[in-house]
């Protein structure tokens, strides 16, 4: 699935995100989507989400 399209991201989905501070290293964080923060239908760097633990980042992989 394409991580750049909002329609592919749903609440409760397990994803790998990159946090703002990890963008240079590319370190990924795994979690469950709690909120979808990107309002547009797509975004070139991935859809921004908030995970259940409160972490915010852009979706890089869908598990």
PDB file of N, CA and C in Angstrom:
ATOM      1  N   UNK A   1       0.849  -1.199   0.000  1.00  0.00           N
ATOM      2  CA  UNK A   1       0.000   0.000   0.000  1.00  0.00           C
ATOM      3  C   UNK A   1       0.883   1.246   0.000  1.00  0.00           C
ATOM      4  N   UNK A   2       0.321   2.301  -0.538  1.00  0.00           N
ATOM      5  CA  UNK A   2       1.044   3.560  -0.683  1.00  0.00           C
ATOM      6  C   UNK A   2       0.895   4.403   0.583  1.00  0.00           C
ATOM      7  N   UNK A   3       2.022   4.729   1.220  1.00  0.00           N
ATOM      8  CA  UNK A   3       1.993   5.514   2.450  1.00  0.00           C
ATOM      9  C   UNK A   3       1.787   6.996   2.195  1.00  0.00           C
ATOM     10  N   UNK A   4       1.746   7.426   0.934  1.00  0.00           N
ATOM     11  CA  UNK A   4       1.590   8.838   0.600  1.00  0.00           C
ATOM     12  C   UNK A   4       0.123   9.236   0.383  1.00  0.00           C
ATOM     13  N   UNK A   5      -0.781   8.249   0.346  1.00  0.00           N
ATOM     14  CA  UNK A   5      -2.205   8.511   0.158  1.00  0.00           C
ATOM     15  C   UNK A   5      -2.953   8.323   1.469  1.00  0.00           C
ATOM     16  N   UNK A   6      -3.722   9.339   1.843  1.00  0.00           N
ATOM     17  CA  UNK A   6      -4.448   9.339   3.118  1.00  0.00           C
ATOM     18  C   UNK A   6      -5.478   8.211   3.198  1.00  0.00           C
ATOM     19  N   UNK A   7      -6.063   7.841   2.047  1.00  0.00           N
ATOM     20  CA  UNK A   7      -7.104   6.801   2.039  1.00  0.00           C
ATOM     21  C   UNK A   7      -6.568   5.433   2.473  1.00  0.00           C
ATOM     22  N   UNK A   8      -5.243   5.224   2.390  1.00  0.00           N
ATOM     23  CA  UNK A   8      -4.644   3.946   2.772  1.00  0.00           C
ATOM     24  C   UNK A   8      -4.323   3.854   4.255  1.00  0.00           C
ATOM     25  N   UNK A   9      -4.421   4.980   4.984  1.00  0.00           N
ATOM     26  CA  UNK A   9      -4.090   5.019   6.410  1.00  0.00           C
ATOM     27  C   UNK A   9      -5.390   5.063   7.207  1.00  0.00           C
ATOM     28  N   UNK A  10      -5.568   4.104   8.100  1.00  0.00           N
ATOM     29  CA  UNK A  10      -6.770   4.080   8.929  1.00  0.00           C
ATOM     30  C   UNK A  10      -6.381   3.989  10.400  1.00  0.00           C
ATOM     31  N   UNK A  11      -7.264   4.458  11.253  1.00  0.00           N
ATOM     32  CA  UNK A  11      -7.040   4.379  12.695  1.00  0.00           C
ATOM     33  C   UNK A  11      -7.010   2.909  13.099  1.00  0.00           C
ATOM     34  N   UNK A  12      -6.026   2.546  13.918  1.00  0.00           N
ATOM     35  CA  UNK A  12      -5.861   1.160  14.350  1.00  0.00           C
ATOM     36  C   UNK A  12      -4.878   0.376  13.502  1.00  0.00           C
ATOM     37  N   UNK A  13      -4.373   0.978  12.431  1.00  0.00           N
ATOM     38  CA  UNK A  13      -3.424   0.317  11.537  1.00  0.00           C
ATOM     39  C   UNK A  13      -2.028   0.317  12.151  1.00  0.00           C
ATOM     40  N   UNK A  14      -1.292  -0.783  12.006  1.00  0.00           N
ATOM     41  CA  UNK A  14       0.099  -0.856  12.493  1.00  0.00           C
ATOM     42  C   UNK A  14       1.005  -0.293  11.401  1.00  0.00           C
ATOM     43  N   UNK A  15       1.827   0.691  11.774  1.00  0.00           N
ATOM     44  CA  UNK A  15       2.679   1.377  10.804  1.00  0.00           C
ATOM     45  C   UNK A  15       4.082   1.607  11.369  1.00  0.00           C
ATOM     46  N   UNK A  16       4.997   1.954  10.483  1.00  0.00           N
ATOM     47  CA  UNK A  16       6.338   2.414  10.846  1.00  0.00           C
ATOM     48  C   UNK A  16       6.410   3.878  10.443  1.00  0.00           C
ATOM     49  N   UNK A  17       6.775   4.751  11.397  1.00  0.00           N
ATOM     50  CA  UNK A  17       6.856   6.175  11.110  1.00  0.00           C
ATOM     51  C   UNK A  17       8.281   6.671  11.328  1.00  0.00           C
ATOM     52  N   UNK A  18       8.574   7.834  10.740  1.00  0.00           N
ATOM     53  CA  UNK A  18       9.824   8.521  11.031  1.00  0.00           C
ATOM     54  C   UNK A  18       9.458   9.815  11.753  1.00  0.00           C
ATOM     55  N   UNK A  19      10.032  10.001  12.958  1.00  0.00           N
ATOM     56  CA  UNK A  19       9.779  11.220  13.726  1.00  0.00           C
ATOM     57  C   UNK A  19      10.612  12.354  13.126  1.00  0.00           C
ATOM     58  N   UNK A  20      10.207  13.590  13.390  1.00  0.00           N
ATOM     59  CA  UNK A  20      10.909  14.763  12.868  1.00  0.00           C
ATOM     60  C   UNK A  20      12.404  14.713  13.208  1.00  0.00           C
ATOM     61  N   UNK A  21      12.716  14.381  14.463  1.00  0.00           N
ATOM     62  CA  UNK A  21      14.119  14.373  14.887  1.00  0.00           C
ATOM     63  C   UNK A  21      14.918  13.207  14.304  1.00  0.00           C
ATOM     64  N   UNK A  22      14.228  12.205  13.749  1.00  0.00           N
ATOM     65  CA  UNK A  22      14.903  11.040  13.163  1.00  0.00           C
ATOM     66  C   UNK A  22      14.975  11.094  11.645  1.00  0.00           C
ATOM     67  N   UNK A  23      14.537  12.194  11.031  1.00  0.00           N
ATOM     68  CA  UNK A  23      14.512  12.269   9.571  1.00  0.00           C
ATOM     69  C   UNK A  23      15.905  12.130   8.957  1.00  0.00           C
ATOM     70  N   UNK A  24      16.913  12.707   9.595  1.00  0.00           N
ATOM     71  CA  UNK A  24      18.279  12.614   9.051  1.00  0.00           C
ATOM     72  C   UNK A  24      18.817  11.192   9.093  1.00  0.00           C
ATOM     73  N   UNK A  25      18.539  10.475  10.175  1.00  0.00           N
ATOM     74  CA  UNK A  25      19.056   9.113  10.323  1.00  0.00           C
ATOM     75  C   UNK A  25      18.144   8.088   9.655  1.00  0.00           C
ATOM     76  N   UNK A  26      16.863   8.414   9.505  1.00  0.00           N
ATOM     77  CA  UNK A  26      15.910   7.480   8.915  1.00  0.00           C
ATOM     78  C   UNK A  26      15.425   6.423   9.886  1.00  0.00           C
ATOM     79  N   UNK A  27      15.691   6.603  11.184  1.00  0.00           N
ATOM     80  CA  UNK A  27      15.254   5.639  12.208  1.00  0.00           C
ATOM     81  C   UNK A  27      13.727   5.575  12.233  1.00  0.00           C
ATOM     82  N   UNK A  28      13.195   4.362  12.173  1.00  0.00           N
ATOM     83  CA  UNK A  28      11.746   4.171  12.148  1.00  0.00           C
ATOM     84  C   UNK A  28      11.227   3.748  13.519  1.00  0.00           C
ATOM     85  N   UNK A  29       9.995   4.164  13.813  1.00  0.00           N
ATOM     86  CA  UNK A  29       9.315   3.828  15.069  1.00  0.00           C
ATOM     87  C   UNK A  29       8.020   3.110  14.712  1.00  0.00           C
ATOM     88  N   UNK A  30       7.769   1.978  15.354  1.00  0.00           N
ATOM     89  CA  UNK A  30       6.565   1.192  15.080  1.00  0.00           C
ATOM     90  C   UNK A  30       5.467   1.557  16.064  1.00  0.00           C
ATOM     91  N   UNK A  31       4.231   1.551  15.581  1.00  0.00           N
ATOM     92  CA  UNK A  31       3.109   1.815  16.471  1.00  0.00           C
ATOM     93  C   UNK A  31       1.774   1.679  15.766  1.00  0.00           C
ATOM     94  N   UNK A  32       0.720   1.945  16.525  1.00  0.00           N
ATOM     95  CA  UNK A  32      -0.655   1.861  16.038  1.00  0.00           C
ATOM     96  C   UNK A  32      -1.192   3.279  15.863  1.00  0.00           C
ATOM     97  N   UNK A  33      -1.815   3.556  14.712  1.00  0.00           N
ATOM     98  CA  UNK A  33      -2.334   4.892  14.408  1.00  0.00           C
ATOM     99  C   UNK A  33      -3.505   5.228  15.330  1.00  0.00           C
ATOM    100  N   UNK A  34      -3.405   6.384  16.002  1.00  0.00           N
ATOM    101  CA  UNK A  34      -4.490   6.894  16.845  1.00  0.00           C
ATOM    102  C   UNK A  34      -5.238   8.010  16.116  1.00  0.00           C
ATOM    103  N   UNK A  35      -4.479   8.942  15.503  1.00  0.00           N
ATOM    104  CA  UNK A  35      -5.075  10.076  14.776  1.00  0.00           C
ATOM    105  C   UNK A  35      -4.325  10.289  13.469  1.00  0.00           C
ATOM    106  N   UNK A  36      -5.050  10.732  12.444  1.00  0.00           N
ATOM    107  CA  UNK A  36      -4.439  11.124  11.173  1.00  0.00           C
ATOM    108  C   UNK A  36      -4.377  12.646  11.171  1.00  0.00           C
ATOM    109  N   UNK A  37      -3.170  13.200  11.078  1.00  0.00           N
ATOM    110  CA  UNK A  37      -2.988  14.639  11.205  1.00  0.00           C
ATOM    111  C   UNK A  37      -2.939  15.369   9.864  1.00  0.00           C
ATOM    112  N   UNK A  38      -2.563  14.692   8.788  1.00  0.00           N
ATOM    113  CA  UNK A  38      -2.526  15.320   7.465  1.00  0.00           C
ATOM    114  C   UNK A  38      -3.953  15.473   6.956  1.00  0.00           C
ATOM    115  N   UNK A  39      -4.307  16.687   6.531  1.00  0.00           N
ATOM    116  CA  UNK A  39      -5.660  16.953   6.040  1.00  0.00           C
ATOM    117  C   UNK A  39      -5.805  16.695   4.538  1.00  0.00           C
ATOM    118  N   UNK A  40      -4.715  16.867   3.777  1.00  0.00           N
ATOM    119  CA  UNK A  40      -4.797  16.682   2.324  1.00  0.00           C
ATOM    120  C   UNK A  40      -4.897  15.190   1.981  1.00  0.00           C
ATOM    121  N   UNK A  41      -5.326  14.885   0.756  1.00  0.00           N
ATOM    122  CA  UNK A  41      -5.518  13.502   0.325  1.00  0.00           C
ATOM    123  C   UNK A  41      -4.206  12.752   0.175  1.00  0.00           C
ATOM    124  N   UNK A  42      -3.127  13.491  -0.134  1.00  0.00           N
ATOM    125  CA  UNK A  42      -1.817  12.851  -0.228  1.00  0.00           C
ATOM    126  C   UNK A  42      -0.730  13.840   0.166  1.00  0.00           C
ATOM    127  N   UNK A  43       0.468  13.295   0.434  1.00  0.00           N
ATOM    128  CA  UNK A  43       1.604  14.134   0.812  1.00  0.00           C
ATOM    129  C   UNK A  43       2.870  13.441   0.315  1.00  0.00           C
ATOM    130  N   UNK A  44       3.764  14.182  -0.326  1.00  0.00           N
ATOM    131  CA  UNK A  44       4.957  13.555  -0.931  1.00  0.00           C
ATOM    132  C   UNK A  44       5.903  12.893   0.063  1.00  0.00           C
ATOM    133  N   UNK A  45       5.883  13.289   1.331  1.00  0.00           N
ATOM    134  CA  UNK A  45       6.790  12.711   2.327  1.00  0.00           C
ATOM    135  C   UNK A  45       6.101  11.706   3.241  1.00  0.00           C
ATOM    136  N   UNK A  46       4.831  11.402   2.988  1.00  0.00           N
ATOM    137  CA  UNK A  46       4.083  10.467   3.822  1.00  0.00           C
ATOM    138  C   UNK A  46       3.055  11.197   4.670  1.00  0.00           C
ATOM    139  N   UNK A  47       2.029  10.479   5.054  1.00  0.00           N
ATOM    140  CA  UNK A  47       0.930  11.045   5.846  1.00  0.00           C
ATOM    141  C   UNK A  47       1.373  11.166   7.308  1.00  0.00           C
ATOM    142  N   UNK A  48       1.129  12.337   7.899  1.00  0.00           N
ATOM    143  CA  UNK A  48       1.508  12.556   9.306  1.00  0.00           C
ATOM    144  C   UNK A  48       0.420  11.989  10.211  1.00  0.00           C
ATOM    145  N   UNK A  49       0.851  11.196  11.207  1.00  0.00           N
ATOM    146  CA  UNK A  49      -0.078  10.552  12.135  1.00  0.00           C
ATOM    147  C   UNK A  49       0.419  10.696  13.565  1.00  0.00           C
ATOM    148  N   UNK A  50      -0.494  10.474  14.504  1.00  0.00           N
ATOM    149  CA  UNK A  50      -0.149  10.355  15.933  1.00  0.00           C
ATOM    150  C   UNK A  50      -0.406   8.906  16.309  1.00  0.00           C
ATOM    151  N   UNK A  51       0.587   8.288  16.938  1.00  0.00           N
ATOM    152  CA  UNK A  51       0.437   6.904  17.384  1.00  0.00           C
ATOM    153  C   UNK A  51      -0.258   6.862  18.738  1.00  0.00           C
ATOM    154  N   UNK A  52      -0.660   5.663  19.166  1.00  0.00           N
ATOM    155  CA  UNK A  52      -1.367   5.503  20.439  1.00  0.00           C
ATOM    156  C   UNK A  52      -0.535   5.966  21.630  1.00  0.00           C
ATOM    157  N   UNK A  53       0.800   5.924  21.515  1.00  0.00           N
ATOM    158  CA  UNK A  53       1.659   6.374  22.617  1.00  0.00           C
ATOM    159  C   UNK A  53       1.948   7.876  22.559  1.00  0.00           C
ATOM    160  N   UNK A  54       1.351   8.585  21.588  1.00  0.00           N
ATOM    161  CA  UNK A  54       1.515  10.031  21.486  1.00  0.00           C
ATOM    162  C   UNK A  54       2.600  10.487  20.528  1.00  0.00           C
ATOM    163  N   UNK A  55       3.380   9.552  20.001  1.00  0.00           N
ATOM    164  CA  UNK A  55       4.446   9.891  19.061  1.00  0.00           C
ATOM    165  C   UNK A  55       3.844  10.381  17.746  1.00  0.00           C
ATOM    166  N   UNK A  56       4.441  11.455  17.182  1.00  0.00           N
ATOM    167  CA  UNK A  56       3.973  12.018  15.919  1.00  0.00           C
ATOM    168  C   UNK A  56       5.061  11.852  14.870  1.00  0.00           C
ATOM    169  N   UNK A  57       4.666  11.444  13.672  1.00  0.00           N
ATOM    170  CA  UNK A  57       5.623  11.308  12.579  1.00  0.00           C
ATOM    171  C   UNK A  57       4.910  10.990  11.283  1.00  0.00           C
ATOM    172  N   UNK A  58       5.716  10.837  10.225  1.00  0.00           N
ATOM    173  CA  UNK A  58       5.170  10.529   8.904  1.00  0.00           C
ATOM    174  C   UNK A  58       5.288   9.047   8.618  1.00  0.00           C
ATOM    175  N   UNK A  59       4.217   8.463   8.067  1.00  0.00           N
ATOM    176  CA  UNK A  59       4.180   7.023   7.767  1.00  0.00           C
ATOM    177  C   UNK A  59       5.170   6.718   6.647  1.00  0.00           C
ATOM    178  N   UNK A  60       6.054   5.758   6.900  1.00  0.00           N
ATOM    179  CA  UNK A  60       7.013   5.294   5.901  1.00  0.00           C
ATOM    180  C   UNK A  60       6.684   3.881   5.424  1.00  0.00           C
ATOM    181  N   UNK A  61       6.116   3.055   6.315  1.00  0.00           N
ATOM    182  CA  UNK A  61       5.739   1.694   5.960  1.00  0.00           C
ATOM    183  C   UNK A  61       4.422   1.336   6.611  1.00  0.00           C
ATOM    184  N   UNK A  62       3.636   0.537   5.906  1.00  0.00           N
ATOM    185  CA  UNK A  62       2.395   0.004   6.471  1.00  0.00           C
ATOM    186  C   UNK A  62       2.632  -1.474   6.723  1.00  0.00           C
ATOM    187  N   UNK A  63       2.419  -1.923   7.954  1.00  0.00           N
ATOM    188  CA  UNK A  63       2.678  -3.315   8.345  1.00  0.00           C
ATOM    189  C   UNK A  63       1.524  -4.213   7.975  1.00  0.00           C
TER     190      UNK A  63
END
